[in-house]
Structures are given as C-alpha cells and as structure tokens.
Amino acid sequence: MSARPDLFDHLEEGPMPGGCNFCDAYLTAEVPFRGVYLVHVHHDDRCPVLRSRAAGSN
C-alpha cells in the first residue's frame, strides 16, 4: 500500500482544473520536503472571491 494518495501524483503532473466554485481556477502542487505537499489554487483575474479578499472585505 502506498503512503501517498494518488491525488498528489496527478497534481504534480501539471495544472488540474478546480479549486474555486466562482471562477476557472486551477490547482498546482509542490513538494518542498518529503511528506509535505503544498496545493495552490490559482484564481482567474475576474474571480469575485479573489477580488473581495484583495479589497479586504473578507
């Protein structure tokens, strides 16, 4: 049995669609240390959630 979920294998292959219900976001992952996975959500420029956070209203 693998100690690493298959989800991370797919993210390391390249961008994966998803991550935000309000825009065309995509996910990427990096492994800075063994066993540590950082998943990043990249929102598009017109995302209302990202704009509201940038404006400080969240």
PDB file of N, CA and C in Angstrom:
ATOM      1  N   MET A   1       0.837  -1.187   0.000  1.00  0.00           N
ATOM      2  CA  MET A   1       0.000   0.000   0.000  1.00  0.00           C
ATOM      3  C   MET A   1       0.877   1.245   0.000  1.00  0.00           C
ATOM      4  N   SER A   2       0.553   2.175  -0.869  1.00  0.00           N
ATOM      5  CA  SER A   2       1.314   3.412  -0.976  1.00  0.00           C
ATOM      6  C   SER A   2       0.947   4.359   0.170  1.00  0.00           C
ATOM      7  N   ALA A   3       1.949   5.035   0.705  1.00  0.00           N
ATOM      8  CA  ALA A   3       1.705   6.008   1.775  1.00  0.00           C
ATOM      9  C   ALA A   3       1.277   7.348   1.214  1.00  0.00           C
ATOM     10  N   ARG A   4       1.269   7.473  -0.097  1.00  0.00           N
ATOM     11  CA  ARG A   4       0.972   8.748  -0.748  1.00  0.00           C
ATOM     12  C   ARG A   4      -0.292   8.637  -1.586  1.00  0.00           C
ATOM     13  N   PRO A   5      -1.298   9.471  -1.324  1.00  0.00           N
ATOM     14  CA  PRO A   5      -2.538   9.411  -2.102  1.00  0.00           C
ATOM     15  C   PRO A   5      -2.313   9.709  -3.583  1.00  0.00           C
ATOM     16  N   ASP A   6      -3.074   9.077  -4.438  1.00  0.00           N
ATOM     17  CA  ASP A   6      -2.964   9.290  -5.883  1.00  0.00           C
ATOM     18  C   ASP A   6      -3.243  10.729  -6.286  1.00  0.00           C
ATOM     19  N   LEU A   7      -4.040  11.461  -5.524  1.00  0.00           N
ATOM     20  CA  LEU A   7      -4.368  12.851  -5.844  1.00  0.00           C
ATOM     21  C   LEU A   7      -3.104  13.668  -6.067  1.00  0.00           C
ATOM     22  N   PHE A   8      -2.113  13.493  -5.224  1.00  0.00           N
ATOM     23  CA  PHE A   8      -0.895  14.278  -5.338  1.00  0.00           C
ATOM     24  C   PHE A   8      -0.103  13.922  -6.591  1.00  0.00           C
ATOM     25  N   ASP A   9      -0.128  12.670  -7.003  1.00  0.00           N
ATOM     26  CA  ASP A   9       0.541  12.280  -8.242  1.00  0.00           C
ATOM     27  C   ASP A   9      -0.009  13.069  -9.417  1.00  0.00           C
ATOM     28  N   HIS A  10      -1.318  13.210  -9.490  1.00  0.00           N
ATOM     29  CA  HIS A  10      -1.941  13.932 -10.591  1.00  0.00           C
ATOM     30  C   HIS A  10      -1.623  15.423 -10.549  1.00  0.00           C
ATOM     31  N   LEU A  11      -1.585  16.007  -9.368  1.00  0.00           N
ATOM     32  CA  LEU A  11      -1.287  17.430  -9.255  1.00  0.00           C
ATOM     33  C   LEU A  11       0.150  17.739  -9.662  1.00  0.00           C
ATOM     34  N   GLU A  12       1.061  16.846  -9.377  1.00  0.00           N
ATOM     35  CA  GLU A  12       2.465  17.077  -9.732  1.00  0.00           C
ATOM     36  C   GLU A  12       2.706  16.973 -11.232  1.00  0.00           C
ATOM     37  N   GLU A  13       1.797  16.344 -11.952  1.00  0.00           N
ATOM     38  CA  GLU A  13       1.932  16.221 -13.399  1.00  0.00           C
ATOM     39  C   GLU A  13       1.689  17.542 -14.115  1.00  0.00           C
ATOM     40  N   GLY A  14       1.002  18.455 -13.482  1.00  0.00           N
ATOM     41  CA  GLY A  14       0.707  19.749 -14.087  1.00  0.00           C
ATOM     42  C   GLY A  14      -0.580  20.303 -13.533  1.00  0.00           C
ATOM     43  N   PRO A  15      -1.015  21.446 -14.032  1.00  0.00           N
ATOM     44  CA  PRO A  15      -2.240  22.064 -13.520  1.00  0.00           C
ATOM     45  C   PRO A  15      -3.449  21.143 -13.659  1.00  0.00           C
ATOM     46  N   MET A  16      -4.323  21.213 -12.656  1.00  0.00           N
ATOM     47  CA  MET A  16      -5.549  20.428 -12.629  1.00  0.00           C
ATOM     48  C   MET A  16      -6.709  21.400 -12.433  1.00  0.00           C
ATOM     49  N   PRO A  17      -7.762  21.316 -13.246  1.00  0.00           N
ATOM     50  CA  PRO A  17      -8.881  22.247 -13.098  1.00  0.00           C
ATOM     51  C   PRO A  17      -9.569  22.103 -11.736  1.00  0.00           C
ATOM     52  N   GLY A  18     -10.043  23.228 -11.230  1.00  0.00           N
ATOM     53  CA  GLY A  18     -10.817  23.202  -9.991  1.00  0.00           C
ATOM     54  C   GLY A  18     -10.209  24.059  -8.908  1.00  0.00           C
ATOM     55  N   GLY A  19     -10.859  24.056  -7.762  1.00  0.00           N
ATOM     56  CA  GLY A  19     -10.361  24.782  -6.612  1.00  0.00           C
ATOM     57  C   GLY A  19     -11.214  25.964  -6.195  1.00  0.00           C
ATOM     58  N   CYS A  20     -12.096  26.431  -7.087  1.00  0.00           N
ATOM     59  CA  CYS A  20     -12.977  27.554  -6.768  1.00  0.00           C
ATOM     60  C   CYS A  20     -14.282  27.390  -7.523  1.00  0.00           C
ATOM     61  N   ASN A  21     -15.379  27.542  -6.821  1.00  0.00           N
ATOM     62  CA  ASN A  21     -16.701  27.409  -7.446  1.00  0.00           C
ATOM     63  C   ASN A  21     -17.137  28.655  -8.205  1.00  0.00           C
ATOM     64  N   PHE A  22     -16.366  29.736  -8.128  1.00  0.00           N
ATOM     65  CA  PHE A  22     -16.784  31.006  -8.703  1.00  0.00           C
ATOM     66  C   PHE A  22     -15.963  31.457  -9.911  1.00  0.00           C
ATOM     67  N   CYS A  23     -14.936  30.695 -10.286  1.00  0.00           N
ATOM     68  CA  CYS A  23     -14.117  31.080 -11.432  1.00  0.00           C
ATOM     69  C   CYS A  23     -13.490  29.840 -12.072  1.00  0.00           C
ATOM     70  N   ASP A  24     -12.677  30.062 -13.081  1.00  0.00           N
ATOM     71  CA  ASP A  24     -11.995  28.972 -13.774  1.00  0.00           C
ATOM     72  C   ASP A  24     -10.621  28.718 -13.157  1.00  0.00           C
ATOM     73  N   ALA A  25     -10.606  28.484 -11.865  1.00  0.00           N
ATOM     74  CA  ALA A  25      -9.353  28.267 -11.145  1.00  0.00           C
ATOM     75  C   ALA A  25      -8.737  26.924 -11.526  1.00  0.00           C
ATOM     76  N   TYR A  26      -7.446  26.799 -11.224  1.00  0.00           N
ATOM     77  CA  TYR A  26      -6.766  25.520 -11.397  1.00  0.00           C
ATOM     78  C   TYR A  26      -5.832  25.304 -10.205  1.00  0.00           C
ATOM     79  N   LEU A  27      -5.464  24.060  -9.977  1.00  0.00           N
ATOM     80  CA  LEU A  27      -4.627  23.672  -8.853  1.00  0.00           C
ATOM     81  C   LEU A  27      -3.248  23.242  -9.333  1.00  0.00           C
ATOM     82  N   THR A  28      -2.241  23.585  -8.553  1.00  0.00           N
ATOM     83  CA  THR A  28      -0.899  23.057  -8.752  1.00  0.00           C
ATOM     84  C   THR A  28      -0.389  22.592  -7.394  1.00  0.00           C
ATOM     85  N   ALA A  29       0.623  21.746  -7.397  1.00  0.00           N
ATOM     86  CA  ALA A  29       1.181  21.254  -6.141  1.00  0.00           C
ATOM     87  C   ALA A  29       2.695  21.276  -6.208  1.00  0.00           C
ATOM     88  N   GLU A  30       3.290  21.386  -5.046  1.00  0.00           N
ATOM     89  CA  GLU A  30       4.734  21.283  -4.938  1.00  0.00           C
ATOM     90  C   GLU A  30       5.053  20.461  -3.694  1.00  0.00           C
ATOM     91  N   VAL A  31       6.208  19.855  -3.696  1.00  0.00           N
ATOM     92  CA  VAL A  31       6.654  19.031  -2.573  1.00  0.00           C
ATOM     93  C   VAL A  31       7.979  19.623  -2.087  1.00  0.00           C
ATOM     94  N   PRO A  32       7.918  20.575  -1.139  1.00  0.00           N
ATOM     95  CA  PRO A  32       9.153  21.206  -0.678  1.00  0.00           C
ATOM     96  C   PRO A  32      10.018  20.258   0.168  1.00  0.00           C
ATOM     97  N   PHE A  33       9.364  19.334   0.862  1.00  0.00           N
ATOM     98  CA  PHE A  33      10.048  18.340   1.688  1.00  0.00           C
ATOM     99  C   PHE A  33       9.284  17.028   1.558  1.00  0.00           C
ATOM    100  N   ARG A  34       9.957  15.947   1.756  1.00  0.00           N
ATOM    101  CA  ARG A  34       9.299  14.647   1.668  1.00  0.00           C
ATOM    102  C   ARG A  34       8.144  14.577   2.670  1.00  0.00           C
ATOM    103  N   GLY A  35       6.979  14.231   2.174  1.00  0.00           N
ATOM    104  CA  GLY A  35       5.799  14.114   3.020  1.00  0.00           C
ATOM    105  C   GLY A  35       5.032  15.409   3.219  1.00  0.00           C
ATOM    106  N   VAL A  36       5.531  16.525   2.663  1.00  0.00           N
ATOM    107  CA  VAL A  36       4.852  17.821   2.774  1.00  0.00           C
ATOM    108  C   VAL A  36       4.400  18.224   1.381  1.00  0.00           C
ATOM    109  N   TYR A  37       3.100  18.447   1.226  1.00  0.00           N
ATOM    110  CA  TYR A  37       2.525  18.809  -0.068  1.00  0.00           C
ATOM    111  C   TYR A  37       1.831  20.159   0.060  1.00  0.00           C
ATOM    112  N   LEU A  38       2.197  21.088  -0.800  1.00  0.00           N
ATOM    113  CA  LEU A  38       1.547  22.394  -0.832  1.00  0.00           C
ATOM    114  C   LEU A  38       0.685  22.453  -2.088  1.00  0.00           C
ATOM    115  N   VAL A  39      -0.602  22.628  -1.899  1.00  0.00           N
ATOM    116  CA  VAL A  39      -1.530  22.716  -3.021  1.00  0.00           C
ATOM    117  C   VAL A  39      -1.926  24.176  -3.171  1.00  0.00           C
ATOM    118  N   HIS A  40      -1.735  24.723  -4.360  1.00  0.00           N
ATOM    119  CA  HIS A  40      -2.021  26.127  -4.639  1.00  0.00           C
ATOM    120  C   HIS A  40      -3.249  26.234  -5.540  1.00  0.00           C
ATOM    121  N   VAL A  41      -4.136  27.156  -5.191  1.00  0.00           N
ATOM    122  CA  VAL A  41      -5.292  27.466  -6.039  1.00  0.00           C
ATOM    123  C   VAL A  41      -4.979  28.756  -6.782  1.00  0.00           C
ATOM    124  N   HIS A  42      -5.047  28.703  -8.103  1.00  0.00           N
ATOM    125  CA  HIS A  42      -4.784  29.867  -8.955  1.00  0.00           C
ATOM    126  C   HIS A  42      -6.117  30.333  -9.534  1.00  0.00           C
ATOM    127  N   HIS A  43      -6.637  31.451  -8.999  1.00  0.00           N
ATOM    128  CA  HIS A  43      -7.910  32.006  -9.464  1.00  0.00           C
ATOM    129  C   HIS A  43      -7.690  32.803 -10.750  1.00  0.00           C
ATOM    130  N   ASP A  44      -8.736  32.937 -11.560  1.00  0.00           N
ATOM    131  CA  ASP A  44      -8.612  33.814 -12.718  1.00  0.00           C
ATOM    132  C   ASP A  44      -8.802  35.263 -12.265  1.00  0.00           C
ATOM    133  N   ASP A  45      -8.436  36.212 -13.097  1.00  0.00           N
ATOM    134  CA  ASP A  45      -8.452  37.635 -12.734  1.00  0.00           C
ATOM    135  C   ASP A  45      -9.836  38.184 -12.436  1.00  0.00           C
ATOM    136  N   ARG A  46     -10.869  37.558 -12.956  1.00  0.00           N
ATOM    137  CA  ARG A  46     -12.236  38.060 -12.745  1.00  0.00           C
ATOM    138  C   ARG A  46     -12.955  37.387 -11.582  1.00  0.00           C
ATOM    139  N   CYS A  47     -12.266  36.599 -10.789  1.00  0.00           N
ATOM    140  CA  CYS A  47     -12.887  35.856  -9.690  1.00  0.00           C
ATOM    141  C   CYS A  47     -13.428  36.811  -8.624  1.00  0.00           C
ATOM    142  N   PRO A  48     -14.727  36.743  -8.321  1.00  0.00           N
ATOM    143  CA  PRO A  48     -15.294  37.629  -7.297  1.00  0.00           C
ATOM    144  C   PRO A  48     -14.764  37.327  -5.896  1.00  0.00           C
ATOM    145  N   VAL A  49     -14.445  36.093  -5.610  1.00  0.00           N
ATOM    146  CA  VAL A  49     -13.907  35.731  -4.292  1.00  0.00           C
ATOM    147  C   VAL A  49     -12.523  36.336  -4.115  1.00  0.00           C
ATOM    148  N   LEU A  50     -11.676  36.191  -5.114  1.00  0.00           N
ATOM    149  CA  LEU A  50     -10.327  36.741  -5.052  1.00  0.00           C
ATOM    150  C   LEU A  50     -10.379  38.268  -4.953  1.00  0.00           C
ATOM    151  N   ARG A  51     -11.252  38.907  -5.715  1.00  0.00           N
ATOM    152  CA  ARG A  51     -11.357  40.370  -5.668  1.00  0.00           C
ATOM    153  C   ARG A  51     -11.839  40.845  -4.298  1.00  0.00           C
ATOM    154  N   SER A  52     -12.788  40.129  -3.695  1.00  0.00           N
ATOM    155  CA  SER A  52     -13.289  40.563  -2.380  1.00  0.00           C
ATOM    156  C   SER A  52     -12.199  40.410  -1.312  1.00  0.00           C
ATOM    157  N   ARG A  53     -11.382  39.387  -1.427  1.00  0.00           N
ATOM    158  CA  ARG A  53     -10.273  39.215  -0.459  1.00  0.00           C
ATOM    159  C   ARG A  53      -9.210  40.291  -0.656  1.00  0.00           C
ATOM    160  N   ALA A  54      -8.921  40.618  -1.914  1.00  0.00           N
ATOM    161  CA  ALA A  54      -7.928  41.651  -2.209  1.00  0.00           C
ATOM    162  C   ALA A  54      -8.399  43.012  -1.705  1.00  0.00           C
ATOM    163  N   ALA A  55      -9.713  43.241  -1.733  1.00  0.00           N
ATOM    164  CA  ALA A  55     -10.272  44.507  -1.268  1.00  0.00           C
ATOM    165  C   ALA A  55     -10.365  44.568   0.255  1.00  0.00           C
ATOM    166  N   GLY A  56     -10.126  43.449   0.920  1.00  0.00           N
ATOM    167  CA  GLY A  56     -10.159  43.417   2.381  1.00  0.00           C
ATOM    168  C   GLY A  56     -11.538  43.246   2.977  1.00  0.00           C
ATOM    169  N   SER A  57     -12.489  42.810   2.168  1.00  0.00           N
ATOM    170  CA  SER A  57     -13.846  42.658   2.701  1.00  0.00           C
ATOM    171  C   SER A  57     -14.117  41.262   3.233  1.00  0.00           C
ATOM    172  N   ASN A  58     -13.091  40.427   3.307  1.00  0.00           N
ATOM    173  CA  ASN A  58     -13.303  39.079   3.823  1.00  0.00           C
ATOM    174  C   ASN A  58     -12.540  38.862   5.077  1.00  0.00           C
TER     175      ASN A  58
END
